[in-house]
Structure formats: structure tokens, C-alpha cells
C-alpha atoms as a PDB file:
ATOM      1  CA  UNK A   1     134.639  48.863  98.970  1.00  0.00           C
ATOM      2  CA  UNK A   2     131.770  46.644  99.317  1.00  0.00           C
ATOM      3  CA  UNK A   3     130.791  46.253 102.554  1.00  0.00           C
ATOM      4  CA  UNK A   4     127.283  43.835 102.851  1.00  0.00           C
ATOM      5  CA  UNK A   5     128.752  40.360 101.968  1.00  0.00           C
ATOM      6  CA  UNK A   6     126.926  38.849 104.696  1.00  0.00           C
ATOM      7  CA  UNK A   7     123.583  40.569 103.242  1.00  0.00           C
ATOM      8  CA  UNK A   8     121.452  37.705 101.564  1.00  0.00           C
ATOM      9  CA  UNK A   9     120.296  39.556  98.437  1.00  0.00           C
ATOM     10  CA  UNK A  10     120.613  43.335  96.818  1.00  0.00           C
ATOM     11  CA  UNK A  11     120.690  44.698  93.691  1.00  0.00           C
ATOM     12  CA  UNK A  12     124.318  44.464  91.728  1.00  0.00           C
ATOM     13  CA  UNK A  13     123.425  46.345  88.541  1.00  0.00           C
ATOM     14  CA  UNK A  14     120.991  46.918  85.530  1.00  0.00           C
ATOM     15  CA  UNK A  15     121.815  45.765  82.300  1.00  0.00           C
ATOM     16  CA  UNK A  16     121.381  47.902  79.133  1.00  0.00           C
ATOM     17  CA  UNK A  17     121.364  46.206  75.398  1.00  0.00           C
ATOM     18  CA  UNK A  18     123.266  47.784  72.634  1.00  0.00           C
ATOM     19  CA  UNK A  19     121.274  49.155  69.899  1.00  0.00           C
ATOM     20  CA  UNK A  20     122.040  48.916  65.961  1.00  0.00           C
ATOM     21  CA  UNK A  21     124.886  51.329  66.251  1.00  0.00           C
ATOM     22  CA  UNK A  22     126.742  49.000  68.435  1.00  0.00           C
ATOM     23  CA  UNK A  23     128.458  49.187  71.608  1.00  0.00           C
ATOM     24  CA  UNK A  24     130.865  52.094  71.394  1.00  0.00           C
ATOM     25  CA  UNK A  25     128.092  54.301  69.560  1.00  0.00           C
ATOM     26  CA  UNK A  26     125.563  53.249  72.239  1.00  0.00           C
ATOM     27  CA  UNK A  27     127.831  53.942  75.146  1.00  0.00           C
ATOM     28  CA  UNK A  28     128.510  57.408  73.838  1.00  0.00           C
ATOM     29  CA  UNK A  29     125.455  58.365  73.367  1.00  0.00           C
ATOM     30  CA  UNK A  30     124.287  57.196  76.999  1.00  0.00           C
ATOM     31  CA  UNK A  31     127.116  58.873  78.349  1.00  0.00           C
ATOM     32  CA  UNK A  32     126.343  62.296  76.662  1.00  0.00           C
ATOM     33  CA  UNK A  33     123.310  62.486  78.389  1.00  0.00           C
ATOM     34  CA  UNK A  34     124.627  61.650  81.770  1.00  0.00           C
ATOM     35  CA  UNK A  35     127.925  63.804  81.127  1.00  0.00           C
ATOM     36  CA  UNK A  36     129.663  61.136  81.704  1.00  0.00           C
ATOM     37  CA  UNK A  37     131.885  58.222  80.230  1.00  0.00           C
ATOM     38  CA  UNK A  38     131.667  54.374  80.531  1.00  0.00           C
ATOM     39  CA  UNK A  39     134.101  52.219  81.068  1.00  0.00           C
ATOM     40  CA  UNK A  40     135.540  49.379  78.844  1.00  0.00           C
ATOM     41  CA  UNK A  41     134.846  46.128  81.116  1.00  0.00           C
ATOM     42  CA  UNK A  42     136.151  43.710  78.330  1.00  0.00           C
ATOM     43  CA  UNK A  43     134.777  40.601  76.875  1.00  0.00           C
ATOM     44  CA  UNK A  44     132.634  37.393  78.415  1.00  0.00           C
ATOM     45  CA  UNK A  45     134.216  34.669  76.648  1.00  0.00           C
ATOM     46  CA  UNK A  46     131.704  32.261  78.091  1.00  0.00           C
ATOM     47  CA  UNK A  47     128.657  34.239  76.728  1.00  0.00           C
ATOM     48  CA  UNK A  48     129.563  35.906  73.929  1.00  0.00           C
ATOM     49  CA  UNK A  49     129.335  39.186  74.492  1.00  0.00           C
ATOM     50  CA  UNK A  50     131.466  42.129  75.697  1.00  0.00           C
ATOM     51  CA  UNK A  51     130.381  45.125  78.051  1.00  0.00           C
ATOM     52  CA  UNK A  52     131.005  48.369  79.294  1.00  0.00           C
ATOM     53  CA  UNK A  53     130.215  49.876  82.766  1.00  0.00           C
ATOM     54  CA  UNK A  54     129.625  53.034  84.933  1.00  0.00           C
ATOM     55  CA  UNK A  55     129.709  52.962  88.368  1.00  0.00           C
ATOM     56  CA  UNK A  56     127.239  53.978  91.049  1.00  0.00           C
ATOM     57  CA  UNK A  57     126.722  55.121  94.205  1.00  0.00           C
ATOM     58  CA  UNK A  58     125.518  52.497  96.792  1.00  0.00           C
ATOM     59  CA  UNK A  59     127.544  49.308  95.116  1.00  0.00           C
ATOM     60  CA  UNK A  60     125.875  49.548  92.123  1.00  0.00           C
ATOM     61  CA  UNK A  61     126.506  49.688  88.415  1.00  0.00           C
ATOM     62  CA  UNK A  62     125.284  49.939  84.959  1.00  0.00           C
ATOM     63  CA  UNK A  63     126.549  48.322  82.141  1.00  0.00           C
ATOM     64  CA  UNK A  64     126.040  48.717  78.440  1.00  0.00           C
ATOM     65  CA  UNK A  65     126.247  45.457  76.449  1.00  0.00           C
ATOM     66  CA  UNK A  66     126.900  43.700  72.705  1.00  0.00           C
ATOM     67  CA  UNK A  67     126.059  40.255  71.715  1.00  0.00           C
ATOM     68  CA  UNK A  68     129.836  39.094  69.547  1.00  0.00           C
ATOM     69  CA  UNK A  69     129.669  37.279  65.953  1.00  0.00           C
ATOM     70  CA  UNK A  70     130.911  34.216  68.582  1.00  0.00           C
ATOM     71  CA  UNK A  71     129.424  30.921  68.652  1.00  0.00           C
ATOM     72  CA  UNK A  72     129.061  30.948  72.424  1.00  0.00           C
ATOM     73  CA  UNK A  73     126.080  34.168  71.756  1.00  0.00           C
ATOM     74  CA  UNK A  74     124.103  31.328  70.125  1.00  0.00           C
ATOM     75  CA  UNK A  75     124.461  28.831  72.861  1.00  0.00           C
ATOM     76  CA  UNK A  76     124.467  30.908  76.167  1.00  0.00           C
ATOM     77  CA  UNK A  77     121.450  32.227  77.207  1.00  0.00           C
ATOM     78  CA  UNK A  78     122.962  35.637  78.480  1.00  0.00           C
ATOM     79  CA  UNK A  79     124.245  35.820  74.611  1.00  0.00           C
ATOM     80  CA  UNK A  80     120.870  35.134  73.529  1.00  0.00           C
ATOM     81  CA  UNK A  81     119.073  37.542  75.693  1.00  0.00           C
ATOM     82  CA  UNK A  82     121.323  40.182  74.745  1.00  0.00           C
ATOM     83  CA  UNK A  83     120.841  39.306  71.073  1.00  0.00           C
ATOM     84  CA  UNK A  84     117.338  39.683  71.090  1.00  0.00           C
ATOM     85  CA  UNK A  85     116.904  42.854  72.627  1.00  0.00           C
ATOM     86  CA  UNK A  86     119.201  44.288  70.541  1.00  0.00           C
ATOM     87  CA  UNK A  87     117.311  42.581  67.345  1.00  0.00           C
ATOM     88  CA  UNK A  88     114.474  45.104  69.328  1.00  0.00           C
ATOM     89  CA  UNK A  89     116.746  47.942  68.586  1.00  0.00           C
ATOM     90  CA  UNK A  90     118.290  47.744  72.253  1.00  0.00           C
ATOM     91  CA  UNK A  91     116.986  48.647  75.295  1.00  0.00           C
ATOM     92  CA  UNK A  92     117.038  47.889  79.107  1.00  0.00           C
ATOM     93  CA  UNK A  93     117.294  43.798  79.001  1.00  0.00           C
ATOM     94  CA  UNK A  94     116.957  43.714  82.605  1.00  0.00           C
ATOM     95  CA  UNK A  95     118.419  43.886  86.588  1.00  0.00           C
ATOM     96  CA  UNK A  96     120.254  41.798  88.408  1.00  0.00           C
ATOM     97  CA  UNK A  97     120.746  40.706  91.852  1.00  0.00           C
ATOM     98  CA  UNK A  98     123.603  39.577  93.801  1.00  0.00           C
ATOM     99  CA  UNK A  99     123.194  36.829  96.576  1.00  0.00           C
ATOM    100  CA  UNK A 100     126.302  35.838  98.998  1.00  0.00           C
ATOM    101  CA  UNK A 101     125.487  32.018  98.122  1.00  0.00           C
ATOM    102  CA  UNK A 102     123.851  30.693  94.731  1.00  0.00           C
ATOM    103  CA  UNK A 103     123.507  27.119  96.141  1.00  0.00           C
ATOM    104  CA  UNK A 104     119.934  28.109  97.185  1.00  0.00           C
ATOM    105  CA  UNK A 105     118.916  29.588  93.995  1.00  0.00           C
ATOM    106  CA  UNK A 106     120.500  26.765  92.073  1.00  0.00           C
ATOM    107  CA  UNK A 107     118.455  24.295  94.578  1.00  0.00           C
ATOM    108  CA  UNK A 108     115.125  26.088  94.193  1.00  0.00           C
ATOM    109  CA  UNK A 109     115.193  26.331  90.553  1.00  0.00           C
ATOM    110  CA  UNK A 110     116.190  22.894  89.866  1.00  0.00           C
ATOM    111  CA  UNK A 111     119.875  23.811  87.809  1.00  0.00           C
ATOM    112  CA  UNK A 112     123.409  24.644  88.330  1.00  0.00           C
ATOM    113  CA  UNK A 113     124.934  28.231  87.818  1.00  0.00           C
ATOM    114  CA  UNK A 114     127.237  28.688  85.119  1.00  0.00           C
ATOM    115  CA  UNK A 115     130.297  30.072  85.622  1.00  0.00           C
ATOM    116  CA  UNK A 116     131.008  33.567  84.511  1.00  0.00           C
ATOM    117  CA  UNK A 117     134.644  35.568  83.965  1.00  0.00           C
ATOM    118  CA  UNK A 118     135.655  39.095  81.863  1.00  0.00           C
ATOM    119  CA  UNK A 119     139.477  40.455  81.521  1.00  0.00           C
ATOM    120  CA  UNK A 120     139.674  43.969  81.472  1.00  0.00           C
ATOM    121  CA  UNK A 121     141.832  46.146  79.337  1.00  0.00           C
ATOM    122  CA  UNK A 122     144.307  46.154  82.160  1.00  0.00           C
ATOM    123  CA  UNK A 123     144.154  42.680  82.202  1.00  0.00           C
ATOM    124  CA  UNK A 124     142.314  41.992  85.931  1.00  0.00           C
ATOM    125  CA  UNK A 125     140.019  39.192  85.398  1.00  0.00           C
ATOM    126  CA  UNK A 126     136.530  39.013  86.952  1.00  0.00           C
ATOM    127  CA  UNK A 127     134.913  35.690  87.840  1.00  0.00           C
ATOM    128  CA  UNK A 128     131.625  34.954  88.947  1.00  0.00           C
ATOM    129  CA  UNK A 129     128.548  32.307  88.884  1.00  0.00           C
ATOM    130  CA  UNK A 130     124.850  33.146  87.320  1.00  0.00           C
ATOM    131  CA  UNK A 131     121.781  31.740  87.224  1.00  0.00           C
ATOM    132  CA  UNK A 132     118.169  32.307  86.103  1.00  0.00           C
ATOM    133  CA  UNK A 133     119.104  34.185  82.624  1.00  0.00           C
ATOM    134  CA  UNK A 134     116.587  31.778  80.867  1.00  0.00           C
ATOM    135  CA  UNK A 135     113.670  33.514  83.568  1.00  0.00           C
ATOM    136  CA  UNK A 136     114.479  36.790  82.459  1.00  0.00           C
ATOM    137  CA  UNK A 137     114.169  35.594  78.257  1.00  0.00           C
ATOM    138  CA  UNK A 138     110.523  34.080  79.198  1.00  0.00           C
ATOM    139  CA  UNK A 139     109.390  37.567  81.795  1.00  0.00           C
ATOM    140  CA  UNK A 140     111.487  40.630  81.303  1.00  0.00           C
ATOM    141  CA  UNK A 141     110.517  41.705  84.402  1.00  0.00           C
ATOM    142  CA  UNK A 142     112.500  39.001  86.612  1.00  0.00           C
ATOM    143  CA  UNK A 143     116.014  39.497  87.603  1.00  0.00           C
ATOM    144  CA  UNK A 144     118.785  37.059  87.025  1.00  0.00           C
ATOM    145  CA  UNK A 145     121.010  36.118  90.088  1.00  0.00           C
ATOM    146  CA  UNK A 146     124.666  36.471  90.161  1.00  0.00           C
ATOM    147  CA  UNK A 147     127.109  35.097  93.040  1.00  0.00           C
ATOM    148  CA  UNK A 148     130.698  37.365  92.810  1.00  0.00           C
ATOM    149  CA  UNK A 149     133.690  35.030  93.176  1.00  0.00           C
ATOM    150  CA  UNK A 150     136.485  38.042  92.783  1.00  0.00           C
ATOM    151  CA  UNK A 151     137.390  40.072  96.149  1.00  0.00           C
ATOM    152  CA  UNK A 152     135.002  43.294  96.541  1.00  0.00           C
ATOM    153  CA  UNK A 153     137.921  45.383  95.896  1.00  0.00           C
ATOM    154  CA  UNK A 154     137.214  44.426  91.728  1.00  0.00           C
ATOM    155  CA  UNK A 155     133.488  44.880  91.681  1.00  0.00           C
ATOM    156  CA  UNK A 156     132.560  47.015  88.449  1.00  0.00           C
ATOM    157  CA  UNK A 157     130.919  50.125  91.171  1.00  0.00           C
ATOM    158  CA  UNK A 158     134.393  50.156  92.692  1.00  0.00           C
ATOM    159  CA  UNK A 159     135.537  53.911  91.869  1.00  0.00           C
ATOM    160  CA  UNK A 160     132.340  55.440  91.836  1.00  0.00           C
ATOM    161  CA  UNK A 161     132.578  59.372  92.794  1.00  0.00           C
ATOM    162  CA  UNK A 162     128.709  59.369  94.443  1.00  0.00           C
ATOM    163  CA  UNK A 163     127.650  62.528  91.707  1.00  0.00           C
ATOM    164  CA  UNK A 164     125.717  59.517  90.150  1.00  0.00           C
ATOM    165  CA  UNK A 165     123.809  56.984  91.612  1.00  0.00           C
ATOM    166  CA  UNK A 166     120.224  54.802  90.470  1.00  0.00           C
ATOM    167  CA  UNK A 167     117.541  56.892  91.812  1.00  0.00           C
ATOM    168  CA  UNK A 168     114.628  55.221  90.598  1.00  0.00           C
ATOM    169  CA  UNK A 169     113.751  51.905  88.536  1.00  0.00           C
ATOM    170  CA  UNK A 170     110.711  51.631  86.453  1.00  0.00           C
ATOM    171  CA  UNK A 171     109.311  48.164  86.380  1.00  0.00           C
ATOM    172  CA  UNK A 172     106.492  47.526  84.157  1.00  0.00           C
ATOM    173  CA  UNK A 173     105.217  43.706  85.843  1.00  0.00           C
ATOM    174  CA  UNK A 174     103.786  42.417  89.111  1.00  0.00           C
ATOM    175  CA  UNK A 175     105.711  42.745  92.515  1.00  0.00           C
ATOM    176  CA  UNK A 176     104.126  39.726  93.932  1.00  0.00           C
ATOM    177  CA  UNK A 177     105.122  37.771  90.719  1.00  0.00           C
ATOM    178  CA  UNK A 178     109.219  38.680  91.309  1.00  0.00           C
ATOM    179  CA  UNK A 179     108.819  37.971  94.659  1.00  0.00           C
ATOM    180  CA  UNK A 180     107.608  34.363  94.013  1.00  0.00           C
ATOM    181  CA  UNK A 181     111.218  34.321  92.020  1.00  0.00           C
ATOM    182  CA  UNK A 182     112.943  35.781  94.023  1.00  0.00           C
ATOM    183  CA  UNK A 183     112.284  33.214  97.024  1.00  0.00           C
ATOM    184  CA  UNK A 184     111.529  36.152  98.972  1.00  0.00           C
ATOM    185  CA  UNK A 185     109.970  39.523  99.202  1.00  0.00           C
ATOM    186  CA  UNK A 186     110.703  41.969  96.245  1.00  0.00           C
ATOM    187  CA  UNK A 187     111.745  44.780  98.827  1.00  0.00           C
ATOM    188  CA  UNK A 188     114.506  42.871 100.032  1.00  0.00           C
ATOM    189  CA  UNK A 189     117.159  43.253  97.099  1.00  0.00           C
ATOM    190  CA  UNK A 190     115.056  46.821  96.724  1.00  0.00           C
ATOM    191  CA  UNK A 191     115.257  48.242 100.190  1.00  0.00           C
ATOM    192  CA  UNK A 192     117.905  51.047  99.675  1.00  0.00           C
ATOM    193  CA  UNK A 193     116.050  51.526  95.312  1.00  0.00           C
ATOM    194  CA  UNK A 194     113.620  53.539  94.517  1.00  0.00           C
ATOM    195  CA  UNK A 195     110.911  51.180  92.210  1.00  0.00           C
ATOM    196  CA  UNK A 196     108.083  52.590  90.709  1.00  0.00           C
ATOM    197  CA  UNK A 197     105.662  49.339  89.440  1.00  0.00           C
ATOM    198  CA  UNK A 198     103.412  50.063  86.490  1.00  0.00           C
ATOM    199  CA  UNK A 199     101.172  47.650  84.770  1.00  0.00           C
ATOM    200  CA  UNK A 200     102.563  46.200  81.801  1.00  0.00           C
ATOM    201  CA  UNK A 201     101.300  47.718  78.395  1.00  0.00           C
ATOM    202  CA  UNK A 202     103.000  44.841  76.471  1.00  0.00           C
ATOM    203  CA  UNK A 203     105.876  43.662  77.142  1.00  0.00           C
ATOM    204  CA  UNK A 204     106.818  43.273  80.894  1.00  0.00           C
ATOM    205  CA  UNK A 205     110.695  44.317  82.577  1.00  0.00           C
ATOM    206  CA  UNK A 206     112.659  47.794  83.005  1.00  0.00           C
ATOM    207  CA  UNK A 207     110.289  50.639  81.509  1.00  0.00           C
ATOM    208  CA  UNK A 208     112.841  53.170  82.439  1.00  0.00           C
ATOM    209  CA  UNK A 209     115.733  54.176  85.214  1.00  0.00           C
ATOM    210  CA  UNK A 210     116.378  57.686  86.549  1.00  0.00           C
ATOM    211  CA  UNK A 211     119.719  58.368  87.716  1.00  0.00           C
ATOM    212  CA  UNK A 212     120.906  60.731  89.905  1.00  0.00           C
ATOM    213  CA  UNK A 213     123.694  62.948  87.949  1.00  0.00           C
ATOM    214  CA  UNK A 214     125.724  66.599  88.668  1.00  0.00           C
ATOM    215  CA  UNK A 215     123.508  67.654  86.622  1.00  0.00           C
ATOM    216  CA  UNK A 216     120.158  66.798  87.581  1.00  0.00           C
ATOM    217  CA  UNK A 217     118.172  63.895  87.172  1.00  0.00           C
ATOM    218  CA  UNK A 218     118.175  61.358  83.832  1.00  0.00           C
ATOM    219  CA  UNK A 219     115.663  59.299  82.738  1.00  0.00           C
ATOM    220  CA  UNK A 220     116.992  56.745  80.343  1.00  0.00           C
END
């Protein structure tokens, strides 16, 4: 169970766009590297996407996401972002920061958050609000923001055994630029996560994620 509801900002999850082989094959391939299976997370009807997830220690999770042949994917920024990254062969799309109250982010960015939802195969529905995907699209080193509206027990990190954890984020970018986007120092949401900042050699954004597994460290 998440016990950090009073914290203002923290790393929530990292997002990987499926490659041309599709969601199931991408999840099987990465799961094979990690020695575990991803869970079917369901469809995001508002965004025209669907995902599979892996719970990690520390109330964090990893998702692999795929765009659907659905009108929403052309209109929603999140669907556009997934489609664009998958069109490049798939790979790391971005990182996501959870906030206790998304209203200050709305005020700072000058627009309203959008509602998100997905229904798991067991019928459970997850609800949230998110904002900032357009920032991610224009500058992939920038995270977007999410405020969960579902109960803490439904968070996708629930069920983590502690055997799998996020050991390090490798980000090509400028921590000062990210701090400006966050509205506070970049260390705030990443205080419990090791981050290696590297100078961009091309497109900024996540270069790799290192995951601790029962069989050692795996870099994806």
C-alpha cells in the first residue's frame, strides 16, 4: 500500500512504447530479459492506447504501452506520443511524476488536466488525471504529471514483492531545465531514485533504465 499520499511530488512510473512487434511480444521480450511476466493493464479508452505493467518496489511501476487503431489515439496527446515513439521502433517514452494535488500544475501550465481511466481484465477501473504530455512530446526529457483518484490499494505497483526495483534512470538532458518544468528542484520527485544525467547526443529523454532483479542488474 502506498503511504506517501501527503508527499507533493514523486516518481510514479516509467513508460516504454511497444515496438513494431506489438505490445504482447514487446512485453514478452522485456519480461524475458528481466525473468518475470508483465500483467495486462487494460485499455485507456480516452487515449486510444493499452498497456501491460510490472510492479516495482518503492511504489513505482513500469508500463509497456501500445497505440490502438482508434480515433482517440489521433486526438489525445498521450496516444500521439505513443504512436510517435512506436513509429521510431519503440523504446523508452518517458517518466511520470505523481502529485497529491494537480491544481497547482494546471495553474502553472495554464490549462486543465485531462481525465484518464483504464479497466483491468478483472473489471477493476483505475481513475486519474494527467497533464503535461505535450511537454513530453516537445522535449522528451520532461516528465508528465499524474494525480491518482483511485484508492492507493489499486495503484499498479501493488503486488510488488521487492525482488524487482528501479535501480537507476539514465536521462539525456539538463536537470536545470527539468527543474524549471517541475516547478521545484528535480531532486524532489527523484530523491529515492539514482539518476545519471548525460549530455544529449541527439534527442533528449530516457536513455536506459536499470532494474534490479533476482538475477542481478538488467539495463534496458
